Amino acid sequence: MFNIGSAELILILLVAFVVVGPEDLPKVARALARAVRYMKALFQDFKQETGLDETLDELKATQNELTQTVRDADPTRELRTVKADTEKVMRETKKAVKDAK
């Protein structure tokens, strides 16, 4: 959620330990956890009321459909098959000409 690595987390905890002190650090951690939980709940409510979840799901489904359509319409797979077949025929023809000499 916040994209914090382990080094940053250790630094934040060390600073909090120095600033708050060892006695009050558990209280501050609990209060911070409650605040984060409250913010997550608010965001969930916001997403539900605005219909953001359904919109995101629809957009993802549309993206998947478009990706599949582009993949199906891409002629490179068929071109590779035709190229391989042509190269095989050319090799066989060269071999037949070489054997005929």
PDB file of N, CA and C in Angstrom:
ATOM      1  N   MET A   1       0.827  -1.198   0.000  1.00  0.00           N
ATOM      2  CA  MET A   1       0.000   0.000   0.000  1.00  0.00           C
ATOM      3  C   MET A   1       0.862   1.249   0.000  1.00  0.00           C
ATOM      4  N   PHE A   2       1.854   1.312   0.904  1.00  0.00           N
ATOM      5  CA  PHE A   2       2.706   2.493   0.982  1.00  0.00           C
ATOM      6  C   PHE A   2       4.021   2.294   0.254  1.00  0.00           C
ATOM      7  N   ASN A   3       4.298   1.075  -0.183  1.00  0.00           N
ATOM      8  CA  ASN A   3       5.516   0.781  -0.932  1.00  0.00           C
ATOM      9  C   ASN A   3       6.766   1.087  -0.108  1.00  0.00           C
ATOM     10  N   ILE A   4       6.788   0.600   1.123  1.00  0.00           N
ATOM     11  CA  ILE A   4       7.922   0.827   2.021  1.00  0.00           C
ATOM     12  C   ILE A   4       8.740  -0.456   2.100  1.00  0.00           C
ATOM     13  N   GLY A   5      10.045  -0.331   1.885  1.00  0.00           N
ATOM     14  CA  GLY A   5      10.934  -1.480   1.980  1.00  0.00           C
ATOM     15  C   GLY A   5      11.357  -1.732   3.410  1.00  0.00           C
ATOM     16  N   SER A   6      12.102  -2.817   3.607  1.00  0.00           N
ATOM     17  CA  SER A   6      12.495  -3.190   4.964  1.00  0.00           C
ATOM     18  C   SER A   6      13.478  -2.184   5.565  1.00  0.00           C
ATOM     19  N   ALA A   7      14.385  -1.643   4.759  1.00  0.00           N
ATOM     20  CA  ALA A   7      15.345  -0.666   5.282  1.00  0.00           C
ATOM     21  C   ALA A   7      14.627   0.605   5.746  1.00  0.00           C
ATOM     22  N   GLU A   8      13.658   1.058   4.954  1.00  0.00           N
ATOM     23  CA  GLU A   8      12.899   2.256   5.342  1.00  0.00           C
ATOM     24  C   GLU A   8      12.081   2.001   6.601  1.00  0.00           C
ATOM     25  N   LEU A   9      11.500   0.804   6.690  1.00  0.00           N
ATOM     26  CA  LEU A   9      10.699   0.459   7.860  1.00  0.00           C
ATOM     27  C   LEU A   9      11.550   0.433   9.127  1.00  0.00           C
ATOM     28  N   ILE A  10      12.742  -0.126   9.039  1.00  0.00           N
ATOM     29  CA  ILE A  10      13.647  -0.159  10.188  1.00  0.00           C
ATOM     30  C   ILE A  10      14.033   1.254  10.604  1.00  0.00           C
ATOM     31  N   LEU A  11      14.303   2.107   9.624  1.00  0.00           N
ATOM     32  CA  LEU A  11      14.660   3.493   9.921  1.00  0.00           C
ATOM     33  C   LEU A  11      13.493   4.221  10.594  1.00  0.00           C
ATOM     34  N   ILE A  12      12.291   4.009  10.085  1.00  0.00           N
ATOM     35  CA  ILE A  12      11.110   4.654  10.685  1.00  0.00           C
ATOM     36  C   ILE A  12      10.906   4.168  12.117  1.00  0.00           C
ATOM     37  N   LEU A  13      11.048   2.856  12.346  1.00  0.00           N
ATOM     38  CA  LEU A  13      10.890   2.322  13.699  1.00  0.00           C
ATOM     39  C   LEU A  13      11.962   2.852  14.641  1.00  0.00           C
ATOM     40  N   LEU A  14      13.186   2.985  14.167  1.00  0.00           N
ATOM     41  CA  LEU A  14      14.270   3.522  14.991  1.00  0.00           C
ATOM     42  C   LEU A  14      13.993   4.975  15.381  1.00  0.00           C
ATOM     43  N   VAL A  15      13.563   5.774  14.415  1.00  0.00           N
ATOM     44  CA  VAL A  15      13.233   7.181  14.705  1.00  0.00           C
ATOM     45  C   VAL A  15      12.054   7.253  15.671  1.00  0.00           C
ATOM     46  N   ALA A  16      11.033   6.415  15.457  1.00  0.00           N
ATOM     47  CA  ALA A  16       9.880   6.407  16.358  1.00  0.00           C
ATOM     48  C   ALA A  16      10.296   5.992  17.760  1.00  0.00           C
ATOM     49  N   PHE A  17      11.201   5.030  17.863  1.00  0.00           N
ATOM     50  CA  PHE A  17      11.689   4.583  19.162  1.00  0.00           C
ATOM     51  C   PHE A  17      12.397   5.720  19.885  1.00  0.00           C
ATOM     52  N   VAL A  18      13.201   6.499  19.159  1.00  0.00           N
ATOM     53  CA  VAL A  18      13.937   7.604  19.773  1.00  0.00           C
ATOM     54  C   VAL A  18      12.993   8.746  20.131  1.00  0.00           C
ATOM     55  N   VAL A  19      12.062   9.085  19.242  1.00  0.00           N
ATOM     56  CA  VAL A  19      11.178  10.227  19.468  1.00  0.00           C
ATOM     57  C   VAL A  19      10.129   9.917  20.530  1.00  0.00           C
ATOM     58  N   VAL A  20       9.474   8.780  20.428  1.00  0.00           N
ATOM     59  CA  VAL A  20       8.360   8.456  21.315  1.00  0.00           C
ATOM     60  C   VAL A  20       8.850   7.855  22.621  1.00  0.00           C
ATOM     61  N   GLY A  21       9.842   7.013  22.526  1.00  0.00           N
ATOM     62  CA  GLY A  21      10.331   6.344  23.727  1.00  0.00           C
ATOM     63  C   GLY A  21       9.798   4.940  23.805  1.00  0.00           C
ATOM     64  N   PRO A  22      10.489   4.089  24.536  1.00  0.00           N
ATOM     65  CA  PRO A  22      10.090   2.678  24.583  1.00  0.00           C
ATOM     66  C   PRO A  22       8.779   2.426  25.323  1.00  0.00           C
ATOM     67  N   GLU A  23       8.417   3.304  26.271  1.00  0.00           N
ATOM     68  CA  GLU A  23       7.195   3.068  27.032  1.00  0.00           C
ATOM     69  C   GLU A  23       5.949   3.328  26.196  1.00  0.00           C
ATOM     70  N   ASP A  24       5.963   4.386  25.391  1.00  0.00           N
ATOM     71  CA  ASP A  24       4.778   4.790  24.637  1.00  0.00           C
ATOM     72  C   ASP A  24       4.730   4.219  23.221  1.00  0.00           C
ATOM     73  N   LEU A  25       5.767   3.540  22.801  1.00  0.00           N
ATOM     74  CA  LEU A  25       5.809   3.026  21.431  1.00  0.00           C
ATOM     75  C   LEU A  25       4.674   2.034  21.135  1.00  0.00           C
ATOM     76  N   PRO A  26       4.333   1.098  22.030  1.00  0.00           N
ATOM     77  CA  PRO A  26       3.199   0.204  21.728  1.00  0.00           C
ATOM     78  C   PRO A  26       1.873   0.951  21.584  1.00  0.00           C
ATOM     79  N   LYS A  27       1.670   1.995  22.393  1.00  0.00           N
ATOM     80  CA  LYS A  27       0.440   2.785  22.288  1.00  0.00           C
ATOM     81  C   LYS A  27       0.368   3.494  20.944  1.00  0.00           C
ATOM     82  N   VAL A  28       1.494   4.063  20.527  1.00  0.00           N
ATOM     83  CA  VAL A  28       1.538   4.763  19.240  1.00  0.00           C
ATOM     84  C   VAL A  28       1.315   3.771  18.096  1.00  0.00           C
ATOM     85  N   ALA A  29       1.907   2.577  18.189  1.00  0.00           N
ATOM     86  CA  ALA A  29       1.736   1.569  17.143  1.00  0.00           C
ATOM     87  C   ALA A  29       0.277   1.141  17.037  1.00  0.00           C
ATOM     88  N   ARG A  30      -0.393   0.960  18.178  1.00  0.00           N
ATOM     89  CA  ARG A  30      -1.805   0.594  18.157  1.00  0.00           C
ATOM     90  C   ARG A  30      -2.659   1.699  17.547  1.00  0.00           C
ATOM     91  N   ALA A  31      -2.365   2.927  17.927  1.00  0.00           N
ATOM     92  CA  ALA A  31      -3.124   4.057  17.383  1.00  0.00           C
ATOM     93  C   ALA A  31      -2.908   4.173  15.868  1.00  0.00           C
ATOM     94  N   LEU A  32      -1.684   3.959  15.430  1.00  0.00           N
ATOM     95  CA  LEU A  32      -1.385   4.017  14.000  1.00  0.00           C
ATOM     96  C   LEU A  32      -2.108   2.888  13.260  1.00  0.00           C
ATOM     97  N   ALA A  33      -2.130   1.698  13.834  1.00  0.00           N
ATOM     98  CA  ALA A  33      -2.823   0.565  13.213  1.00  0.00           C
ATOM     99  C   ALA A  33      -4.323   0.847  13.113  1.00  0.00           C
ATOM    100  N   ARG A  34      -4.895   1.434  14.177  1.00  0.00           N
ATOM    101  CA  ARG A  34      -6.318   1.794  14.137  1.00  0.00           C
ATOM    102  C   ARG A  34      -6.588   2.818  13.044  1.00  0.00           C
ATOM    103  N   ALA A  35      -5.704   3.802  12.914  1.00  0.00           N
ATOM    104  CA  ALA A  35      -5.881   4.837  11.887  1.00  0.00           C
ATOM    105  C   ALA A  35      -5.804   4.233  10.480  1.00  0.00           C
ATOM    106  N   VAL A  36      -4.870   3.332  10.276  1.00  0.00           N
ATOM    107  CA  VAL A  36      -4.748   2.692   8.959  1.00  0.00           C
ATOM    108  C   VAL A  36      -5.986   1.857   8.660  1.00  0.00           C
ATOM    109  N   ARG A  37      -6.460   1.099   9.648  1.00  0.00           N
ATOM    110  CA  ARG A  37      -7.676   0.300   9.465  1.00  0.00           C
ATOM    111  C   ARG A  37      -8.874   1.191   9.139  1.00  0.00           C
ATOM    112  N   TYR A  38      -8.974   2.323   9.831  1.00  0.00           N
ATOM    113  CA  TYR A  38     -10.066   3.263   9.599  1.00  0.00           C
ATOM    114  C   TYR A  38      -9.995   3.829   8.185  1.00  0.00           C
ATOM    115  N   MET A  39      -8.788   4.171   7.728  1.00  0.00           N
ATOM    116  CA  MET A  39      -8.612   4.712   6.374  1.00  0.00           C
ATOM    117  C   MET A  39      -8.983   3.660   5.328  1.00  0.00           C
ATOM    118  N   LYS A  40      -8.586   2.410   5.565  1.00  0.00           N
ATOM    119  CA  LYS A  40      -8.937   1.346   4.625  1.00  0.00           C
ATOM    120  C   LYS A  40     -10.457   1.179   4.556  1.00  0.00           C
ATOM    121  N   ALA A  41     -11.120   1.232   5.709  1.00  0.00           N
ATOM    122  CA  ALA A  41     -12.579   1.100   5.733  1.00  0.00           C
ATOM    123  C   ALA A  41     -13.238   2.259   4.992  1.00  0.00           C
ATOM    124  N   LEU A  42     -12.724   3.471   5.202  1.00  0.00           N
ATOM    125  CA  LEU A  42     -13.265   4.620   4.480  1.00  0.00           C
ATOM    126  C   LEU A  42     -13.094   4.459   2.971  1.00  0.00           C
ATOM    127  N   PHE A  43     -11.949   3.990   2.549  1.00  0.00           N
ATOM    128  CA  PHE A  43     -11.696   3.803   1.125  1.00  0.00           C
ATOM    129  C   PHE A  43     -12.617   2.725   0.550  1.00  0.00           C
ATOM    130  N   GLN A  44     -12.829   1.637   1.301  1.00  0.00           N
ATOM    131  CA  GLN A  44     -13.745   0.590   0.856  1.00  0.00           C
ATOM    132  C   GLN A  44     -15.163   1.146   0.702  1.00  0.00           C
ATOM    133  N   ASP A  45     -15.609   1.931   1.689  1.00  0.00           N
ATOM    134  CA  ASP A  45     -16.937   2.547   1.601  1.00  0.00           C
ATOM    135  C   ASP A  45     -17.027   3.468   0.392  1.00  0.00           C
ATOM    136  N   PHE A  46     -15.986   4.247   0.165  1.00  0.00           N
ATOM    137  CA  PHE A  46     -15.954   5.157  -0.979  1.00  0.00           C
ATOM    138  C   PHE A  46     -16.064   4.367  -2.284  1.00  0.00           C
ATOM    139  N   LYS A  47     -15.315   3.266  -2.383  1.00  0.00           N
ATOM    140  CA  LYS A  47     -15.353   2.455  -3.603  1.00  0.00           C
ATOM    141  C   LYS A  47     -16.734   1.843  -3.807  1.00  0.00           C
ATOM    142  N   GLN A  48     -17.369   1.412  -2.724  1.00  0.00           N
ATOM    143  CA  GLN A  48     -18.698   0.809  -2.848  1.00  0.00           C
ATOM    144  C   GLN A  48     -19.740   1.842  -3.253  1.00  0.00           C
ATOM    145  N   GLU A  49     -19.695   3.004  -2.645  1.00  0.00           N
ATOM    146  CA  GLU A  49     -20.698   4.022  -2.931  1.00  0.00           C
ATOM    147  C   GLU A  49     -20.544   4.612  -4.324  1.00  0.00           C
ATOM    148  N   THR A  50     -19.343   4.731  -4.797  1.00  0.00           N
ATOM    149  CA  THR A  50     -19.132   5.308  -6.127  1.00  0.00           C
ATOM    150  C   THR A  50     -19.204   4.259  -7.231  1.00  0.00           C
ATOM    151  N   GLY A  51     -19.214   2.974  -6.858  1.00  0.00           N
ATOM    152  CA  GLY A  51     -19.250   1.921  -7.863  1.00  0.00           C
ATOM    153  C   GLY A  51     -17.901   1.730  -8.540  1.00  0.00           C
ATOM    154  N   LEU A  52     -16.853   2.150  -7.872  1.00  0.00           N
ATOM    155  CA  LEU A  52     -15.512   2.077  -8.439  1.00  0.00           C
ATOM    156  C   LEU A  52     -15.078   0.631  -8.667  1.00  0.00           C
ATOM    157  N   ASP A  53     -15.476  -0.268  -7.765  1.00  0.00           N
ATOM    158  CA  ASP A  53     -15.111  -1.681  -7.913  1.00  0.00           C
ATOM    159  C   ASP A  53     -15.685  -2.275  -9.195  1.00  0.00           C
ATOM    160  N   GLU A  54     -16.987  -2.011  -9.441  1.00  0.00           N
ATOM    161  CA  GLU A  54     -17.612  -2.546 -10.648  1.00  0.00           C
ATOM    162  C   GLU A  54     -16.989  -1.945 -11.896  1.00  0.00           C
ATOM    163  N   THR A  55     -16.708  -0.656 -11.840  1.00  0.00           N
ATOM    164  CA  THR A  55     -16.093   0.006 -12.993  1.00  0.00           C
ATOM    165  C   THR A  55     -14.721  -0.574 -13.274  1.00  0.00           C
ATOM    166  N   LEU A  56     -13.932  -0.795 -12.218  1.00  0.00           N
ATOM    167  CA  LEU A  56     -12.605  -1.392 -12.406  1.00  0.00           C
ATOM    168  C   LEU A  56     -12.711  -2.804 -12.962  1.00  0.00           C
ATOM    169  N   ASP A  57     -13.680  -3.583 -12.461  1.00  0.00           N
ATOM    170  CA  ASP A  57     -13.870  -4.941 -12.977  1.00  0.00           C
ATOM    171  C   ASP A  57     -14.262  -4.924 -14.454  1.00  0.00           C
ATOM    172  N   GLU A  58     -15.147  -3.986 -14.817  1.00  0.00           N
ATOM    173  CA  GLU A  58     -15.553  -3.873 -16.216  1.00  0.00           C
ATOM    174  C   GLU A  58     -14.375  -3.472 -17.098  1.00  0.00           C
ATOM    175  N   LEU A  59     -13.570  -2.527 -16.614  1.00  0.00           N
ATOM    176  CA  LEU A  59     -12.409  -2.095 -17.387  1.00  0.00           C
ATOM    177  C   LEU A  59     -11.403  -3.229 -17.566  1.00  0.00           C
ATOM    178  N   LYS A  60     -11.188  -4.016 -16.522  1.00  0.00           N
ATOM    179  CA  LYS A  60     -10.267  -5.156 -16.634  1.00  0.00           C
ATOM    180  C   LYS A  60     -10.802  -6.186 -17.617  1.00  0.00           C
ATOM    181  N   ALA A  61     -12.110  -6.445 -17.570  1.00  0.00           N
ATOM    182  CA  ALA A  61     -12.709  -7.399 -18.508  1.00  0.00           C
ATOM    183  C   ALA A  61     -12.577  -6.892 -19.939  1.00  0.00           C
ATOM    184  N   THR A  62     -12.811  -5.612 -20.142  1.00  0.00           N
ATOM    185  CA  THR A  62     -12.667  -5.022 -21.475  1.00  0.00           C
ATOM    186  C   THR A  62     -11.225  -5.099 -21.947  1.00  0.00           C
ATOM    187  N   GLN A  63     -10.293  -4.831 -21.053  1.00  0.00           N
ATOM    188  CA  GLN A  63      -8.880  -4.928 -21.413  1.00  0.00           C
ATOM    189  C   GLN A  63      -8.522  -6.356 -21.821  1.00  0.00           C
ATOM    190  N   ASN A  64      -9.015  -7.335 -21.070  1.00  0.00           N
ATOM    191  CA  ASN A  64      -8.746  -8.734 -21.415  1.00  0.00           C
ATOM    192  C   ASN A  64      -9.341  -9.096 -22.774  1.00  0.00           C
ATOM    193  N   GLU A  65     -10.560  -8.623 -23.043  1.00  0.00           N
ATOM    194  CA  GLU A  65     -11.190  -8.891 -24.333  1.00  0.00           C
ATOM    195  C   GLU A  65     -10.398  -8.260 -25.472  1.00  0.00           C
ATOM    196  N   LEU A  66      -9.966  -7.014 -25.274  1.00  0.00           N
ATOM    197  CA  LEU A  66      -9.181  -6.335 -26.311  1.00  0.00           C
ATOM    198  C   LEU A  66      -7.849  -7.030 -26.544  1.00  0.00           C
ATOM    199  N   THR A  67      -7.211  -7.453 -25.474  1.00  0.00           N
ATOM    200  CA  THR A  67      -5.942  -8.160 -25.609  1.00  0.00           C
ATOM    201  C   THR A  67      -6.129  -9.457 -26.380  1.00  0.00           C
ATOM    202  N   GLN A  68      -7.193 -10.182 -26.077  1.00  0.00           N
ATOM    203  CA  GLN A  68      -7.474 -11.435 -26.783  1.00  0.00           C
ATOM    204  C   GLN A  68      -7.802 -11.170 -28.248  1.00  0.00           C
ATOM    205  N   THR A  69      -8.557 -10.113 -28.526  1.00  0.00           N
ATOM    206  CA  THR A  69      -8.900  -9.772 -29.909  1.00  0.00           C
ATOM    207  C   THR A  69      -7.659  -9.427 -30.708  1.00  0.00           C
ATOM    208  N   VAL A  70      -6.778  -8.635 -30.110  1.00  0.00           N
ATOM    209  CA  VAL A  70      -5.537  -8.272 -30.795  1.00  0.00           C
ATOM    210  C   VAL A  70      -4.685  -9.514 -31.018  1.00  0.00           C
ATOM    211  N   ARG A  71      -4.620 -10.373 -30.035  1.00  0.00           N
ATOM    212  CA  ARG A  71      -3.844 -11.607 -30.166  1.00  0.00           C
ATOM    213  C   ARG A  71      -4.416 -12.494 -31.282  1.00  0.00           C
ATOM    214  N   ASP A  72      -5.748 -12.569 -31.351  1.00  0.00           N
ATOM    215  CA  ASP A  72      -6.378 -13.382 -32.398  1.00  0.00           C
ATOM    216  C   ASP A  72      -6.197 -12.764 -33.783  1.00  0.00           C
ATOM    217  N   ALA A  73      -6.184 -11.441 -33.857  1.00  0.00           N
ATOM    218  CA  ALA A  73      -6.062 -10.761 -35.144  1.00  0.00           C
ATOM    219  C   ALA A  73      -4.614 -10.650 -35.616  1.00  0.00           C
ATOM    220  N   ASP A  74      -3.679 -11.005 -34.787  1.00  0.00           N
ATOM    221  CA  ASP A  74      -2.259 -10.885 -35.136  1.00  0.00           C
ATOM    222  C   ASP A  74      -1.882 -11.972 -36.144  1.00  0.00           C
ATOM    223  N   PRO A  75      -1.456 -11.580 -37.345  1.00  0.00           N
ATOM    224  CA  PRO A  75      -1.160 -12.575 -38.382  1.00  0.00           C
ATOM    225  C   PRO A  75       0.240 -13.188 -38.272  1.00  0.00           C
ATOM    226  N   THR A  76       1.034 -12.765 -37.318  1.00  0.00           N
ATOM    227  CA  THR A  76       2.415 -13.242 -37.272  1.00  0.00           C
ATOM    228  C   THR A  76       2.507 -14.740 -37.015  1.00  0.00           C
ATOM    229  N   ARG A  77       1.594 -15.290 -36.247  1.00  0.00           N
ATOM    230  CA  ARG A  77       1.623 -16.727 -35.977  1.00  0.00           C
ATOM    231  C   ARG A  77       1.418 -17.504 -37.279  1.00  0.00           C
ATOM    232  N   GLU A  78       0.427 -17.079 -38.056  1.00  0.00           N
ATOM    233  CA  GLU A  78       0.179 -17.742 -39.342  1.00  0.00           C
ATOM    234  C   GLU A  78       1.353 -17.531 -40.294  1.00  0.00           C
ATOM    235  N   LEU A  79       1.927 -16.327 -40.281  1.00  0.00           N
ATOM    236  CA  LEU A  79       3.065 -16.053 -41.159  1.00  0.00           C
ATOM    237  C   LEU A  79       4.260 -16.928 -40.799  1.00  0.00           C
ATOM    238  N   ARG A  80       4.486 -17.154 -39.519  1.00  0.00           N
ATOM    239  CA  ARG A  80       5.585 -18.028 -39.104  1.00  0.00           C
ATOM    240  C   ARG A  80       5.361 -19.454 -39.610  1.00  0.00           C
ATOM    241  N   THR A  81       4.117 -19.916 -39.514  1.00  0.00           N
ATOM    242  CA  THR A  81       3.803 -21.265 -39.992  1.00  0.00           C
ATOM    243  C   THR A  81       4.028 -21.370 -41.499  1.00  0.00           C
ATOM    244  N   VAL A  82       3.553 -20.372 -42.240  1.00  0.00           N
ATOM    245  CA  VAL A  82       3.742 -20.366 -43.689  1.00  0.00           C
ATOM    246  C   VAL A  82       5.218 -20.294 -44.031  1.00  0.00           C
ATOM    247  N   LYS A  83       5.975 -19.471 -43.312  1.00  0.00           N
ATOM    248  CA  LYS A  83       7.410 -19.354 -43.555  1.00  0.00           C
ATOM    249  C   LYS A  83       8.111 -20.689 -43.314  1.00  0.00           C
ATOM    250  N   ALA A  84       7.765 -21.355 -42.211  1.00  0.00           N
ATOM    251  CA  ALA A  84       8.377 -22.642 -41.908  1.00  0.00           C
ATOM    252  C   ALA A  84       8.048 -23.669 -42.985  1.00  0.00           C
ATOM    253  N   ASP A  85       6.788 -23.676 -43.426  1.00  0.00           N
ATOM    254  CA  ASP A  85       6.389 -24.607 -44.481  1.00  0.00           C
ATOM    255  C   ASP A  85       7.133 -24.311 -45.779  1.00  0.00           C
ATOM    256  N   THR A  86       7.257 -23.030 -46.119  1.00  0.00           N
ATOM    257  CA  THR A  86       7.964 -22.632 -47.344  1.00  0.00           C
ATOM    258  C   THR A  86       9.429 -23.024 -47.274  1.00  0.00           C
ATOM    259  N   GLU A  87      10.043 -22.784 -46.125  1.00  0.00           N
ATOM    260  CA  GLU A  87      11.452 -23.163 -45.973  1.00  0.00           C
ATOM    261  C   GLU A  87      11.626 -24.672 -46.085  1.00  0.00           C
ATOM    262  N   LYS A  88      10.696 -25.430 -45.550  1.00  0.00           N
ATOM    263  CA  LYS A  88      10.761 -26.885 -45.640  1.00  0.00           C
ATOM    264  C   LYS A  88      10.663 -27.329 -47.094  1.00  0.00           C
ATOM    265  N   VAL A  89       9.719 -26.746 -47.836  1.00  0.00           N
ATOM    266  CA  VAL A  89       9.562 -27.088 -49.256  1.00  0.00           C
ATOM    267  C   VAL A  89      10.814 -26.713 -50.035  1.00  0.00           C
ATOM    268  N   MET A  90      11.395 -25.542 -49.717  1.00  0.00           N
ATOM    269  CA  MET A  90      12.616 -25.101 -50.409  1.00  0.00           C
ATOM    270  C   MET A  90      13.767 -26.076 -50.145  1.00  0.00           C
ATOM    271  N   ARG A  91      13.911 -26.526 -48.904  1.00  0.00           N
ATOM    272  CA  ARG A  91      14.971 -27.491 -48.589  1.00  0.00           C
ATOM    273  C   ARG A  91      14.758 -28.797 -49.335  1.00  0.00           C
ATOM    274  N   GLU A  92      13.513 -29.255 -49.340  1.00  0.00           N
ATOM    275  CA  GLU A  92      13.214 -30.493 -50.050  1.00  0.00           C
ATOM    276  C   GLU A  92      13.478 -30.349 -51.547  1.00  0.00           C
ATOM    277  N   THR A  93      13.127 -29.198 -52.104  1.00  0.00           N
ATOM    278  CA  THR A  93      13.354 -28.947 -53.534  1.00  0.00           C
ATOM    279  C   THR A  93      14.840 -28.910 -53.842  1.00  0.00           C
ATOM    280  N   LYS A  94      15.610 -28.202 -53.002  1.00  0.00           N
ATOM    281  CA  LYS A  94      17.060 -28.141 -53.204  1.00  0.00           C
ATOM    282  C   LYS A  94      17.677 -29.534 -53.121  1.00  0.00           C
ATOM    283  N   LYS A  95      17.186 -30.319 -52.170  1.00  0.00           N
ATOM    284  CA  LYS A  95      17.709 -31.677 -52.025  1.00  0.00           C
ATOM    285  C   LYS A  95      17.361 -32.526 -53.245  1.00  0.00           C
ATOM    286  N   ALA A  96      16.130 -32.372 -53.736  1.00  0.00           N
ATOM    287  CA  ALA A  96      15.713 -33.122 -54.924  1.00  0.00           C
ATOM    288  C   ALA A  96      16.536 -32.716 -56.142  1.00  0.00           C
ATOM    289  N   VAL A  97      16.808 -31.428 -56.315  1.00  0.00           N
ATOM    290  CA  VAL A  97      17.616 -30.938 -57.437  1.00  0.00           C
ATOM    291  C   VAL A  97      19.049 -31.456 -57.303  1.00  0.00           C
ATOM    292  N   LYS A  98      19.569 -31.432 -56.095  1.00  0.00           N
ATOM    293  CA  LYS A  98      20.930 -31.915 -55.860  1.00  0.00           C
ATOM    294  C   LYS A  98      21.041 -33.422 -56.150  1.00  0.00           C
ATOM    295  N   ASP A  99      20.006 -34.173 -55.739  1.00  0.00           N
ATOM    296  CA  ASP A  99      20.013 -35.610 -55.979  1.00  0.00           C
ATOM    297  C   ASP A  99      19.833 -35.933 -57.466  1.00  0.00           C
ATOM    298  N   ALA A 100      19.096 -35.073 -58.192  1.00  0.00           N
ATOM    299  CA  ALA A 100      18.867 -35.299 -59.617  1.00  0.00           C
ATOM    300  C   ALA A 100      20.139 -35.078 -60.433  1.00  0.00           C
ATOM    301  N   LYS A 101      21.055 -34.259 -59.932  1.00  0.00           N
ATOM    302  CA  LYS A 101      22.306 -34.000 -60.659  1.00  0.00           C
ATOM    303  C   LYS A 101      23.178 -35.152 -60.494  1.00  0.00           C
TER     304      LYS A 101
END
